[in-house]
PDB file of all heavy atoms in Angstrom:
ATOM      1  N   SER A   1     103.523 100.882  78.418  1.00  0.00           N
ATOM      2  CA  SER A   1     103.937 100.341  79.710  1.00  0.00           C
ATOM      3  C   SER A   1     105.233  99.564  79.507  1.00  0.00           C
ATOM      4  O   SER A   1     105.322  98.746  78.597  1.00  0.00           O
ATOM      5  CB  SER A   1     102.859  99.404  80.269  1.00  0.00           C
ATOM      6  OG  SER A   1     101.651 100.084  80.451  1.00  0.00           O
ATOM      7  N   HIS A   2     106.205  99.838  80.347  1.00  0.00           N
ATOM      8  CA  HIS A   2     107.511  99.181  80.200  1.00  0.00           C
ATOM      9  C   HIS A   2     107.815  98.370  81.452  1.00  0.00           C
ATOM     10  O   HIS A   2     107.767  98.894  82.561  1.00  0.00           O
ATOM     11  CB  HIS A   2     108.602 100.232  79.977  1.00  0.00           C
ATOM     12  CG  HIS A   2     109.972  99.641  79.874  1.00  0.00           C
ATOM     13  ND1 HIS A   2     111.102 100.329  80.209  1.00  0.00           N
ATOM     14  CD2 HIS A   2     110.384  98.408  79.472  1.00  0.00           C
ATOM     15  CE1 HIS A   2     112.159  99.557  80.024  1.00  0.00           C
ATOM     16  NE2 HIS A   2     111.739  98.392  79.579  1.00  0.00           N
ATOM     17  N   ARG A   3     108.112  97.100  81.244  1.00  0.00           N
ATOM     18  CA  ARG A   3     108.380  96.212  82.371  1.00  0.00           C
ATOM     19  C   ARG A   3     109.701  95.490  82.145  1.00  0.00           C
ATOM     20  O   ARG A   3     110.007  95.066  81.031  1.00  0.00           O
ATOM     21  CB  ARG A   3     107.260  95.180  82.499  1.00  0.00           C
ATOM     22  CG  ARG A   3     107.373  94.287  83.726  1.00  0.00           C
ATOM     23  CD  ARG A   3     106.142  93.421  83.861  1.00  0.00           C
ATOM     24  NE  ARG A   3     106.061  92.770  85.158  1.00  0.00           N
ATOM     25  CZ  ARG A   3     104.998  92.128  85.605  1.00  0.00           C
ATOM     26  NH1 ARG A   3     103.913  92.056  84.841  1.00  0.00           N
ATOM     27  NH2 ARG A   3     104.986  91.568  86.795  1.00  0.00           N
ATOM     28  N   LEU A   4     110.476  95.364  83.217  1.00  0.00           N
ATOM     29  CA  LEU A   4     111.722  94.610  83.122  1.00  0.00           C
ATOM     30  C   LEU A   4     111.433  93.113  83.131  1.00  0.00           C
ATOM     31  O   LEU A   4     110.485  92.650  83.759  1.00  0.00           O
ATOM     32  CB  LEU A   4     112.657  94.948  84.291  1.00  0.00           C
ATOM     33  CG  LEU A   4     113.244  96.359  84.332  1.00  0.00           C
ATOM     34  CD1 LEU A   4     114.257  96.451  85.462  1.00  0.00           C
ATOM     35  CD2 LEU A   4     113.893  96.722  83.013  1.00  0.00           C
ATOM     36  N   CYS A   5     112.291  92.391  82.435  1.00  0.00           N
ATOM     37  CA  CYS A   5     112.161  90.935  82.338  1.00  0.00           C
ATOM     38  C   CYS A   5     112.370  90.291  83.707  1.00  0.00           C
ATOM     39  O   CYS A   5     113.399  90.486  84.364  1.00  0.00           O
ATOM     40  CB  CYS A   5     113.192  90.415  81.344  1.00  0.00           C
ATOM     41  SG  CYS A   5     113.503  88.664  81.445  1.00  0.00           S
ATOM     42  N   ILE A   6     111.392  89.503  84.148  1.00  0.00           N
ATOM     43  CA  ILE A   6     111.477  88.861  85.461  1.00  0.00           C
ATOM     44  C   ILE A   6     112.590  87.829  85.494  1.00  0.00           C
ATOM     45  O   ILE A   6     113.247  87.634  86.522  1.00  0.00           O
ATOM     46  CB  ILE A   6     110.116  88.236  85.837  1.00  0.00           C
ATOM     47  CG1 ILE A   6     109.154  89.362  86.249  1.00  0.00           C
ATOM     48  CG2 ILE A   6     110.246  87.213  86.954  1.00  0.00           C
ATOM     49  CD1 ILE A   6     107.810  88.904  86.728  1.00  0.00           C
ATOM     50  N   TRP A   7     112.825  87.172  84.354  1.00  0.00           N
ATOM     51  CA  TRP A   7     113.890  86.160  84.319  1.00  0.00           C
ATOM     52  C   TRP A   7     115.237  86.800  84.626  1.00  0.00           C
ATOM     53  O   TRP A   7     116.029  86.252  85.406  1.00  0.00           O
ATOM     54  CB  TRP A   7     113.918  85.496  82.942  1.00  0.00           C
ATOM     55  CG  TRP A   7     114.929  84.398  82.835  1.00  0.00           C
ATOM     56  CD1 TRP A   7     114.779  83.097  83.201  1.00  0.00           C
ATOM     57  CD2 TRP A   7     116.266  84.508  82.327  1.00  0.00           C
ATOM     58  NE1 TRP A   7     115.930  82.389  82.953  1.00  0.00           N
ATOM     59  CE2 TRP A   7     116.860  83.231  82.412  1.00  0.00           C
ATOM     60  CE3 TRP A   7     117.024  85.560  81.797  1.00  0.00           C
ATOM     61  CZ2 TRP A   7     118.168  82.978  81.989  1.00  0.00           C
ATOM     62  CZ3 TRP A   7     118.323  85.303  81.381  1.00  0.00           C
ATOM     63  CH2 TRP A   7     118.878  84.038  81.480  1.00  0.00           C
ATOM     64  N   HIS A   8     115.513  87.984  84.052  1.00  0.00           N
ATOM     65  CA  HIS A   8     116.778  88.669  84.325  1.00  0.00           C
ATOM     66  C   HIS A   8     116.850  89.121  85.785  1.00  0.00           C
ATOM     67  O   HIS A   8     117.919  89.087  86.400  1.00  0.00           O
ATOM     68  CB  HIS A   8     116.938  89.879  83.397  1.00  0.00           C
ATOM     69  CG  HIS A   8     117.463  89.524  82.038  1.00  0.00           C
ATOM     70  ND1 HIS A   8     116.651  89.332  80.952  1.00  0.00           N
ATOM     71  CD2 HIS A   8     118.725  89.300  81.603  1.00  0.00           C
ATOM     72  CE1 HIS A   8     117.388  89.025  79.904  1.00  0.00           C
ATOM     73  NE2 HIS A   8     118.648  88.993  80.271  1.00  0.00           N
ATOM     74  N   ILE A   9     115.712  89.563  86.332  1.00  0.00           N
ATOM     75  CA  ILE A   9     115.710  89.981  87.739  1.00  0.00           C
ATOM     76  C   ILE A   9     116.012  88.792  88.646  1.00  0.00           C
ATOM     77  O   ILE A   9     116.771  88.915  89.618  1.00  0.00           O
ATOM     78  CB  ILE A   9     114.356  90.620  88.107  1.00  0.00           C
ATOM     79  CG1 ILE A   9     114.154  91.923  87.322  1.00  0.00           C
ATOM     80  CG2 ILE A   9     114.281  90.909  89.613  1.00  0.00           C
ATOM     81  CD1 ILE A   9     112.807  92.574  87.539  1.00  0.00           C
ATOM     82  N   GLU A  10     115.432  87.631  88.336  1.00  0.00           N
ATOM     83  CA  GLU A  10     115.710  86.429  89.128  1.00  0.00           C
ATOM     84  C   GLU A  10     117.200  86.080  89.082  1.00  0.00           C
ATOM     85  O   GLU A  10     117.780  85.667  90.084  1.00  0.00           O
ATOM     86  CB  GLU A  10     114.877  85.252  88.613  1.00  0.00           C
ATOM     87  CG  GLU A  10     113.411  85.295  89.018  1.00  0.00           C
ATOM     88  CD  GLU A  10     113.203  84.910  90.483  1.00  0.00           C
ATOM     89  OE1 GLU A  10     114.194  84.621  91.185  1.00  0.00           O
ATOM     90  OE2 GLU A  10     112.049  84.926  90.937  1.00  0.00           O
ATOM     91  N   GLN A  11     117.802  86.254  87.909  1.00  0.00           N
ATOM     92  CA  GLN A  11     119.241  86.001  87.796  1.00  0.00           C
ATOM     93  C   GLN A  11     120.024  86.950  88.704  1.00  0.00           C
ATOM     94  O   GLN A  11     120.983  86.551  89.365  1.00  0.00           O
ATOM     95  CB  GLN A  11     119.687  86.181  86.342  1.00  0.00           C
ATOM     96  CG  GLN A  11     119.115  85.167  85.368  1.00  0.00           C
ATOM     97  CD  GLN A  11     119.684  83.787  85.586  1.00  0.00           C
ATOM     98  OE1 GLN A  11     120.888  83.607  85.678  1.00  0.00           O
ATOM     99  NE2 GLN A  11     118.811  82.796  85.691  1.00  0.00           N
ATOM    100  N   ASN A  12     119.613  88.212  88.746  1.00  0.00           N
ATOM    101  CA  ASN A  12     120.302  89.192  89.577  1.00  0.00           C
ATOM    102  C   ASN A  12     120.056  88.958  91.063  1.00  0.00           C
ATOM    103  O   ASN A  12     120.910  89.275  91.891  1.00  0.00           O
ATOM    104  CB  ASN A  12     119.865  90.606  89.189  1.00  0.00           C
ATOM    105  CG  ASN A  12     120.526  91.090  87.914  1.00  0.00           C
ATOM    106  OD1 ASN A  12     121.711  90.858  87.714  1.00  0.00           O
ATOM    107  ND2 ASN A  12     119.774  91.734  87.048  1.00  0.00           N
ATOM    108  N   ILE A  13     118.876  88.425  91.397  1.00  0.00           N
ATOM    109  CA  ILE A  13     118.606  88.091  92.798  1.00  0.00           C
ATOM    110  C   ILE A  13     119.620  87.063  93.287  1.00  0.00           C
ATOM    111  O   ILE A  13     120.212  87.202  94.360  1.00  0.00           O
ATOM    112  CB  ILE A  13     117.162  87.545  92.954  1.00  0.00           C
ATOM    113  CG1 ILE A  13     116.143  88.676  92.784  1.00  0.00           C
ATOM    114  CG2 ILE A  13     116.982  86.873  94.323  1.00  0.00           C
ATOM    115  CD1 ILE A  13     114.701  88.200  92.785  1.00  0.00           C
ATOM    116  N   VAL A  14     119.829  86.034  92.497  1.00  0.00           N
ATOM    117  CA  VAL A  14     120.789  84.983  92.861  1.00  0.00           C
ATOM    118  C   VAL A  14     122.203  85.553  92.933  1.00  0.00           C
ATOM    119  O   VAL A  14     122.989  85.196  93.819  1.00  0.00           O
ATOM    120  CB  VAL A  14     120.723  83.823  91.839  1.00  0.00           C
ATOM    121  CG1 VAL A  14     121.805  82.793  92.132  1.00  0.00           C
ATOM    122  CG2 VAL A  14     119.343  83.174  91.870  1.00  0.00           C
ATOM    123  N   ARG A  15     122.512  86.479  92.024  1.00  0.00           N
ATOM    124  CA  ARG A  15     123.870  87.011  91.944  1.00  0.00           C
ATOM    125  C   ARG A  15     124.165  88.027  93.050  1.00  0.00           C
ATOM    126  O   ARG A  15     125.300  88.095  93.542  1.00  0.00           O
ATOM    127  CB  ARG A  15     124.063  87.669  90.572  1.00  0.00           C
ATOM    128  CG  ARG A  15     125.488  88.063  90.247  1.00  0.00           C
ATOM    129  CD  ARG A  15     125.603  88.667  88.846  1.00  0.00           C
ATOM    130  NE  ARG A  15     125.187  87.722  87.825  1.00  0.00           N
ATOM    131  CZ  ARG A  15     124.154  87.904  87.011  1.00  0.00           C
ATOM    132  NH1 ARG A  15     123.415  89.005  87.098  1.00  0.00           N
ATOM    133  NH2 ARG A  15     123.841  87.004  86.095  1.00  0.00           N
ATOM    134  N   ASN A  16     123.158  88.797  93.464  1.00  0.00           N
ATOM    135  CA  ASN A  16     123.416  89.916  94.370  1.00  0.00           C
ATOM    136  C   ASN A  16     122.934  89.706  95.804  1.00  0.00           C
ATOM    137  O   ASN A  16     123.423  90.384  96.710  1.00  0.00           O
ATOM    138  CB  ASN A  16     122.755  91.191  93.819  1.00  0.00           C
ATOM    139  CG  ASN A  16     123.382  91.671  92.527  1.00  0.00           C
ATOM    140  OD1 ASN A  16     124.456  92.267  92.526  1.00  0.00           O
ATOM    141  ND2 ASN A  16     122.717  91.409  91.411  1.00  0.00           N
ATOM    142  N   LEU A  17     121.973  88.809  96.002  1.00  0.00           N
ATOM    143  CA  LEU A  17     121.447  88.583  97.349  1.00  0.00           C
ATOM    144  C   LEU A  17     121.867  87.199  97.829  1.00  0.00           C
ATOM    145  O   LEU A  17     121.725  86.219  97.104  1.00  0.00           O
ATOM    146  CB  LEU A  17     119.919  88.701  97.352  1.00  0.00           C
ATOM    147  CG  LEU A  17     119.340  90.011  96.796  1.00  0.00           C
ATOM    148  CD1 LEU A  17     117.823  90.002  96.882  1.00  0.00           C
ATOM    149  CD2 LEU A  17     119.920  91.208  97.526  1.00  0.00           C
ATOM    150  N   HIS A  18     122.350  87.133  99.049  1.00  0.00           N
ATOM    151  CA  HIS A  18     122.922  85.874  99.533  1.00  0.00           C
ATOM    152  C   HIS A  18     122.190  85.298 100.745  1.00  0.00           C
ATOM    153  O   HIS A  18     122.534  84.223 101.209  1.00  0.00           O
ATOM    154  CB  HIS A  18     124.399  86.089  99.876  1.00  0.00           C
ATOM    155  CG  HIS A  18     125.178  86.720  98.745  1.00  0.00           C
ATOM    156  ND1 HIS A  18     125.416  86.074  97.542  1.00  0.00           N
ATOM    157  CD2 HIS A  18     125.746  87.950  98.620  1.00  0.00           C
ATOM    158  CE1 HIS A  18     126.104  86.865  96.740  1.00  0.00           C
ATOM    159  NE2 HIS A  18     126.310  88.014  97.367  1.00  0.00           N
ATOM    160  N   GLU A  19     121.193  86.007 101.243  1.00  0.00           N
ATOM    161  CA  GLU A  19     120.424  85.495 102.372  1.00  0.00           C
ATOM    162  C   GLU A  19     119.026  85.125 101.898  1.00  0.00           C
ATOM    163  O   GLU A  19     118.349  85.909 101.222  1.00  0.00           O
ATOM    164  CB  GLU A  19     120.335  86.560 103.479  1.00  0.00           C
ATOM    165  CG  GLU A  19     121.696  86.926 104.078  1.00  0.00           C
ATOM    166  CD  GLU A  19     121.553  87.977 105.164  1.00  0.00           C
ATOM    167  OE1 GLU A  19     120.418  88.162 105.666  1.00  0.00           O
ATOM    168  OE2 GLU A  19     122.563  88.618 105.511  1.00  0.00           O
ATOM    169  N   ASP A  20     118.576  83.921 102.263  1.00  0.00           N
ATOM    170  CA  ASP A  20     117.275  83.435 101.795  1.00  0.00           C
ATOM    171  C   ASP A  20     116.137  84.345 102.241  1.00  0.00           C
ATOM    172  O   ASP A  20     115.172  84.555 101.501  1.00  0.00           O
ATOM    173  CB  ASP A  20     117.038  82.004 102.301  1.00  0.00           C
ATOM    174  CG  ASP A  20     117.968  81.004 101.623  1.00  0.00           C
ATOM    175  OD1 ASP A  20     118.494  81.329 100.545  1.00  0.00           O
ATOM    176  OD2 ASP A  20     118.174  79.902 102.181  1.00  0.00           O
ATOM    177  N   GLY A  21     116.233  84.880 103.457  1.00  0.00           N
ATOM    178  CA  GLY A  21     115.181  85.758 103.963  1.00  0.00           C
ATOM    179  C   GLY A  21     115.041  87.015 103.123  1.00  0.00           C
ATOM    180  O   GLY A  21     113.923  87.463 102.827  1.00  0.00           O
ATOM    181  N   VAL A  22     116.163  87.582 102.715  1.00  0.00           N
ATOM    182  CA  VAL A  22     116.136  88.788 101.889  1.00  0.00           C
ATOM    183  C   VAL A  22     115.547  88.461 100.518  1.00  0.00           C
ATOM    184  O   VAL A  22     114.728  89.214  99.978  1.00  0.00           O
ATOM    185  CB  VAL A  22     117.557  89.375 101.735  1.00  0.00           C
ATOM    186  CG1 VAL A  22     117.511  90.639 100.877  1.00  0.00           C
ATOM    187  CG2 VAL A  22     118.156  89.686 103.095  1.00  0.00           C
ATOM    188  N   LYS A  23     115.941  87.324  99.961  1.00  0.00           N
ATOM    189  CA  LYS A  23     115.424  86.915  98.650  1.00  0.00           C
ATOM    190  C   LYS A  23     113.910  86.750  98.694  1.00  0.00           C
ATOM    191  O   LYS A  23     113.192  87.240  97.811  1.00  0.00           O
ATOM    192  CB  LYS A  23     116.069  85.601  98.214  1.00  0.00           C
ATOM    193  CG  LYS A  23     117.552  85.682  97.909  1.00  0.00           C
ATOM    194  CD  LYS A  23     118.079  84.306  97.524  1.00  0.00           C
ATOM    195  CE  LYS A  23     119.581  84.341  97.299  1.00  0.00           C
ATOM    196  NZ  LYS A  23     120.120  82.989  96.975  1.00  0.00           N
ATOM    197  N   ASP A  24     113.414  86.054  99.729  1.00  0.00           N
ATOM    198  CA  ASP A  24     111.973  85.806  99.827  1.00  0.00           C
ATOM    199  C   ASP A  24     111.193  87.098  99.990  1.00  0.00           C
ATOM    200  O   ASP A  24     110.142  87.294  99.348  1.00  0.00           O
ATOM    201  CB  ASP A  24     111.687  84.865 101.008  1.00  0.00           C
ATOM    202  CG  ASP A  24     112.232  83.459 100.773  1.00  0.00           C
ATOM    203  OD1 ASP A  24     112.470  83.111  99.601  1.00  0.00           O
ATOM    204  OD2 ASP A  24     112.424  82.723 101.761  1.00  0.00           O
ATOM    205  N   ASP A  25     111.702  87.992 100.829  1.00  0.00           N
ATOM    206  CA  ASP A  25     111.021  89.269 101.028  1.00  0.00           C
ATOM    207  C   ASP A  25     111.009  90.098  99.744  1.00  0.00           C
ATOM    208  O   ASP A  25     110.013  90.765  99.417  1.00  0.00           O
ATOM    209  CB  ASP A  25     111.702  90.067 102.155  1.00  0.00           C
ATOM    210  CG  ASP A  25     111.439  89.462 103.528  1.00  0.00           C
ATOM    211  OD1 ASP A  25     110.570  88.569 103.614  1.00  0.00           O
ATOM    212  OD2 ASP A  25     112.104  89.868 104.500  1.00  0.00           O
ATOM    213  N   PHE A  26     112.112  90.060  98.999  1.00  0.00           N
ATOM    214  CA  PHE A  26     112.197  90.829  97.757  1.00  0.00           C
ATOM    215  C   PHE A  26     111.227  90.291  96.709  1.00  0.00           C
ATOM    216  O   PHE A  26     110.601  91.059  95.971  1.00  0.00           O
ATOM    217  CB  PHE A  26     113.632  90.790  97.217  1.00  0.00           C
ATOM    218  CG  PHE A  26     113.831  91.605  95.982  1.00  0.00           C
ATOM    219  CD1 PHE A  26     114.079  92.965  96.052  1.00  0.00           C
ATOM    220  CD2 PHE A  26     113.755  91.017  94.730  1.00  0.00           C
ATOM    221  CE1 PHE A  26     114.244  93.727  94.903  1.00  0.00           C
ATOM    222  CE2 PHE A  26     113.932  91.758  93.576  1.00  0.00           C
ATOM    223  CZ  PHE A  26     114.179  93.124  93.665  1.00  0.00           C
ATOM    224  N   ARG A  27     111.093  88.968  96.649  1.00  0.00           N
ATOM    225  CA  ARG A  27     110.223  88.360  95.631  1.00  0.00           C
ATOM    226  C   ARG A  27     108.757  88.726  95.845  1.00  0.00           C
ATOM    227  O   ARG A  27     107.977  88.686  94.893  1.00  0.00           O
ATOM    228  CB  ARG A  27     110.399  86.841  95.634  1.00  0.00           C
ATOM    229  CG  ARG A  27     111.709  86.385  94.999  1.00  0.00           C
ATOM    230  CD  ARG A  27     111.714  84.879  94.756  1.00  0.00           C
ATOM    231  NE  ARG A  27     112.919  84.477  94.050  1.00  0.00           N
ATOM    232  CZ  ARG A  27     113.992  83.933  94.622  1.00  0.00           C
ATOM    233  NH1 ARG A  27     113.987  83.720  95.944  1.00  0.00           N
ATOM    234  NH2 ARG A  27     115.038  83.593  93.920  1.00  0.00           N
ATOM    235  N   HIS A  28     108.361  89.094  97.057  1.00  0.00           N
ATOM    236  CA  HIS A  28     106.983  89.540  97.290  1.00  0.00           C
ATOM    237  C   HIS A  28     106.676  90.761  96.418  1.00  0.00           C
ATOM    238  O   HIS A  28     105.582  90.880  95.863  1.00  0.00           O
ATOM    239  CB  HIS A  28     106.762  89.873  98.762  1.00  0.00           C
ATOM    240  CG  HIS A  28     106.625  88.654  99.637  1.00  0.00           C
ATOM    241  ND1 HIS A  28     105.648  87.711  99.431  1.00  0.00           N
ATOM    242  CD2 HIS A  28     107.345  88.237 100.716  1.00  0.00           C
ATOM    243  CE1 HIS A  28     105.759  86.751 100.346  1.00  0.00           C
ATOM    244  NE2 HIS A  28     106.782  87.044 101.132  1.00  0.00           N
ATOM    245  N   PHE A  29     107.652  91.680  96.307  1.00  0.00           N
ATOM    246  CA  PHE A  29     107.447  92.875  95.487  1.00  0.00           C
ATOM    247  C   PHE A  29     107.394  92.514  94.006  1.00  0.00           C
ATOM    248  O   PHE A  29     106.734  93.179  93.219  1.00  0.00           O
ATOM    249  CB  PHE A  29     108.569  93.885  95.734  1.00  0.00           C
ATOM    250  CG  PHE A  29     108.627  94.387  97.139  1.00  0.00           C
ATOM    251  CD1 PHE A  29     109.566  93.907  98.039  1.00  0.00           C
ATOM    252  CD2 PHE A  29     107.726  95.350  97.578  1.00  0.00           C
ATOM    253  CE1 PHE A  29     109.623  94.369  99.340  1.00  0.00           C
ATOM    254  CE2 PHE A  29     107.776  95.825  98.882  1.00  0.00           C
ATOM    255  CZ  PHE A  29     108.720  95.323  99.763  1.00  0.00           C
ATOM    256  N   LEU A  30     108.095  91.441  93.638  1.00  0.00           N
ATOM    257  CA  LEU A  30     108.171  91.039  92.242  1.00  0.00           C
ATOM    258  C   LEU A  30     106.882  90.386  91.757  1.00  0.00           C
ATOM    259  O   LEU A  30     106.493  90.561  90.595  1.00  0.00           O
ATOM    260  CB  LEU A  30     109.355  90.074  92.071  1.00  0.00           C
ATOM    261  CG  LEU A  30     109.814  89.731  90.654  1.00  0.00           C
ATOM    262  CD1 LEU A  30     110.189  90.982  89.883  1.00  0.00           C
ATOM    263  CD2 LEU A  30     110.999  88.767  90.713  1.00  0.00           C
ATOM    264  N   TYR A  31     106.186  89.668  92.655  1.00  0.00           N
ATOM    265  CA  TYR A  31     105.048  88.859  92.218  1.00  0.00           C
ATOM    266  C   TYR A  31     103.702  89.248  92.849  1.00  0.00           C
ATOM    267  O   TYR A  31     102.659  89.013  92.254  1.00  0.00           O
ATOM    268  CB  TYR A  31     105.315  87.379  92.521  1.00  0.00           C
ATOM    269  CG  TYR A  31     106.507  86.819  91.783  1.00  0.00           C
ATOM    270  CD1 TYR A  31     107.702  86.562  92.442  1.00  0.00           C
ATOM    271  CD2 TYR A  31     106.448  86.552  90.415  1.00  0.00           C
ATOM    272  CE1 TYR A  31     108.801  86.043  91.766  1.00  0.00           C
ATOM    273  CE2 TYR A  31     107.526  86.039  89.724  1.00  0.00           C
ATOM    274  CZ  TYR A  31     108.709  85.782  90.418  1.00  0.00           C
ATOM    275  OH  TYR A  31     109.786  85.274  89.737  1.00  0.00           O
TER     276      TYR A  31
END
């Protein structure tokens, strides 16, 4: 089973997403 590092994904969320609503909705899929 291969999983991407959540810490790196969180870094990319901050870097690529700029609206809080989009970030919150995306994190539902992450957690």
